[in-house]
Structure formats: structure tokens, C-alpha cells
Amino acid sequence: MTAIESREIRGITLKVLYLLVAFSITATAGIMTSYFSLKNDNQQLSTQIEILKIQIRQLDRRLDNIEIHHASFTPQVVNVKEQ
């Protein structure tokens, strides 16, 4: 320890303050990393949800077209009489 690190203020050394600051910075960096990671994941999920909504609308339109074509198709019923 250097002379300045060995000086105490009511039992608190500068070494302890250095460690406290270092641990605080490390914890803050970890929390910020987690926050931005979750924020990025949230943005990706929002984008995927929007893509899925668009695909659902397209499938709904296709289904409507199929139902329209099916309704306009009138099959001919052939009656077969038994002899």
C-alpha cells in the first residue's frame, strides 16, 4: 500500500473506497448490459410480431378468395337411379 492508501478517515481506507467504486462500476455495467440486451430482444420480438400480423392478413385474404371461389362453384349433382 502507498502512503495515501494507508490513510484512514474514520476507519475507511482509500483502498476500500477504490474497491467500492470498482464494484459499483462493475455492477452498473452488468445491469446496463442486461438492460440493453433485453431492450434489443424486445425490439426483435416486436418486429417479428408485426411480420406475423402481416402474414395473418395475407392468409385471411387468401382464405376469403378461396371461400368466394368455392361459393361461386356450383357442382352438378347427378342422380343415379337404381335399376
C-alpha atoms as a PDB file:
ATOM      1  CA  MET A   1       0.000   0.000   0.000  1.00  0.00           C
ATOM      2  CA  THR A   2       1.153   3.515  -0.699  1.00  0.00           C
ATOM      3  CA  ALA A   3       1.188   6.167   1.942  1.00  0.00           C
ATOM      4  CA  ILE A   4      -2.015   7.752   0.667  1.00  0.00           C
ATOM      5  CA  GLU A   5      -3.822   4.391   0.638  1.00  0.00           C
ATOM      6  CA  SER A   6      -2.906   3.730   4.235  1.00  0.00           C
ATOM      7  CA  ARG A   7      -4.517   6.938   5.474  1.00  0.00           C
ATOM      8  CA  GLU A   8      -7.857   6.377   7.131  1.00  0.00           C
ATOM      9  CA  ILE A   9     -10.943   8.520   7.541  1.00  0.00           C
ATOM     10  CA  ARG A  10     -12.890   7.088  10.468  1.00  0.00           C
ATOM     11  CA  GLY A  11     -11.907   3.518   9.628  1.00  0.00           C
ATOM     12  CA  ILE A  12     -12.445   3.810   5.860  1.00  0.00           C
ATOM     13  CA  THR A  13      -9.268   3.481   3.834  1.00  0.00           C
ATOM     14  CA  LEU A  14      -8.852   4.691   0.280  1.00  0.00           C
ATOM     15  CA  LYS A  15      -8.295   1.079  -0.751  1.00  0.00           C
ATOM     16  CA  VAL A  16     -11.793   0.223   0.469  1.00  0.00           C
ATOM     17  CA  LEU A  17     -13.178   3.251  -1.405  1.00  0.00           C
ATOM     18  CA  TYR A  18     -11.367   2.150  -4.586  1.00  0.00           C
ATOM     19  CA  LEU A  19     -12.866  -1.318  -4.254  1.00  0.00           C
ATOM     20  CA  LEU A  20     -16.314   0.121  -3.583  1.00  0.00           C
ATOM     21  CA  VAL A  21     -16.125   2.317  -6.687  1.00  0.00           C
ATOM     22  CA  ALA A  22     -14.780  -0.562  -8.805  1.00  0.00           C
ATOM     23  CA  PHE A  23     -17.540  -2.919  -7.669  1.00  0.00           C
ATOM     24  CA  SER A  24     -20.154  -0.234  -8.240  1.00  0.00           C
ATOM     25  CA  ILE A  25     -18.895   0.374 -11.775  1.00  0.00           C
ATOM     26  CA  THR A  26     -18.832  -3.372 -12.475  1.00  0.00           C
ATOM     27  CA  ALA A  27     -22.376  -3.831 -11.171  1.00  0.00           C
ATOM     28  CA  THR A  28     -23.640  -0.828 -13.135  1.00  0.00           C
ATOM     29  CA  ALA A  29     -22.004  -2.113 -16.318  1.00  0.00           C
ATOM     30  CA  GLY A  30     -23.590  -5.529 -15.827  1.00  0.00           C
ATOM     31  CA  ILE A  31     -27.020  -4.044 -15.240  1.00  0.00           C
ATOM     32  CA  MET A  32     -26.735  -1.771 -18.280  1.00  0.00           C
ATOM     33  CA  THR A  33     -25.601  -4.696 -20.449  1.00  0.00           C
ATOM     34  CA  SER A  34     -28.613  -6.721 -19.337  1.00  0.00           C
ATOM     35  CA  TYR A  35     -30.954  -3.781 -19.926  1.00  0.00           C
ATOM     36  CA  PHE A  36     -29.751  -3.110 -23.465  1.00  0.00           C
ATOM     37  CA  SER A  37     -29.784  -6.817 -24.271  1.00  0.00           C
ATOM     38  CA  LEU A  38     -33.402  -7.087 -23.125  1.00  0.00           C
ATOM     39  CA  LYS A  39     -34.291  -3.898 -24.987  1.00  0.00           C
ATOM     40  CA  ASN A  40     -32.799  -5.323 -28.191  1.00  0.00           C
ATOM     41  CA  ASP A  41     -34.653  -8.620 -27.684  1.00  0.00           C
ATOM     42  CA  ASN A  42     -37.886  -6.681 -27.160  1.00  0.00           C
ATOM     43  CA  GLN A  43     -37.376  -4.770 -30.414  1.00  0.00           C
ATOM     44  CA  GLN A  44     -36.709  -8.005 -32.299  1.00  0.00           C
ATOM     45  CA  LEU A  45     -39.837  -9.593 -30.859  1.00  0.00           C
ATOM     46  CA  SER A  46     -41.906  -6.540 -31.812  1.00  0.00           C
ATOM     47  CA  THR A  47     -40.602  -6.787 -35.364  1.00  0.00           C
ATOM     48  CA  GLN A  48     -41.415 -10.499 -35.528  1.00  0.00           C
ATOM     49  CA  ILE A  49     -44.919  -9.848 -34.204  1.00  0.00           C
ATOM     50  CA  GLU A  50     -45.509  -7.239 -36.917  1.00  0.00           C
ATOM     51  CA  ILE A  51     -44.292  -9.697 -39.573  1.00  0.00           C
ATOM     52  CA  LEU A  52     -46.654 -12.364 -38.221  1.00  0.00           C
ATOM     53  CA  LYS A  53     -49.565  -9.906 -38.285  1.00  0.00           C
ATOM     54  CA  ILE A  54     -48.852  -9.155 -41.951  1.00  0.00           C
ATOM     55  CA  GLN A  55     -48.692 -12.871 -42.751  1.00  0.00           C
ATOM     56  CA  ILE A  56     -52.007 -13.466 -40.962  1.00  0.00           C
ATOM     57  CA  ARG A  57     -53.645 -10.690 -43.009  1.00  0.00           C
ATOM     58  CA  GLN A  58     -52.327 -12.260 -46.215  1.00  0.00           C
ATOM     59  CA  LEU A  59     -53.619 -15.680 -45.195  1.00  0.00           C
ATOM     60  CA  ASP A  60     -57.009 -14.181 -44.324  1.00  0.00           C
ATOM     61  CA  ARG A  61     -57.217 -12.634 -47.799  1.00  0.00           C
ATOM     62  CA  ARG A  62     -56.296 -15.948 -49.420  1.00  0.00           C
ATOM     63  CA  LEU A  63     -58.918 -17.748 -47.351  1.00  0.00           C
ATOM     64  CA  ASP A  64     -61.529 -15.171 -48.347  1.00  0.00           C
ATOM     65  CA  ASN A  65     -60.624 -15.692 -52.019  1.00  0.00           C
ATOM     66  CA  ILE A  66     -60.906 -19.447 -51.638  1.00  0.00           C
ATOM     67  CA  GLU A  67     -64.296 -19.105 -49.950  1.00  0.00           C
ATOM     68  CA  ILE A  68     -65.526 -16.782 -52.710  1.00  0.00           C
ATOM     69  CA  HIS A  69     -64.391 -19.168 -55.445  1.00  0.00           C
ATOM     70  CA  HIS A  70     -65.851 -22.121 -53.587  1.00  0.00           C
ATOM     71  CA  ALA A  71     -69.197 -20.368 -53.145  1.00  0.00           C
ATOM     72  CA  SER A  72     -69.359 -19.457 -56.833  1.00  0.00           C
ATOM     73  CA  PHE A  73     -68.647 -23.036 -57.842  1.00  0.00           C
ATOM     74  CA  THR A  74     -71.895 -24.967 -58.034  1.00  0.00           C
ATOM     75  CA  PRO A  75     -71.268 -28.623 -58.603  1.00  0.00           C
ATOM     76  CA  GLN A  76     -73.783 -30.517 -60.688  1.00  0.00           C
ATOM     77  CA  VAL A  77     -75.488 -33.298 -58.858  1.00  0.00           C
ATOM     78  CA  VAL A  78     -76.039 -36.389 -60.899  1.00  0.00           C
ATOM     79  CA  ASN A  79     -78.902 -38.553 -59.821  1.00  0.00           C
ATOM     80  CA  VAL A  80     -78.278 -42.204 -60.338  1.00  0.00           C
ATOM     81  CA  LYS A  81     -81.340 -44.353 -60.251  1.00  0.00           C
ATOM     82  CA  GLU A  82     -81.028 -47.930 -59.328  1.00  0.00           C
ATOM     83  CA  GLN A  83     -82.446 -50.340 -61.844  1.00  0.00           C
END
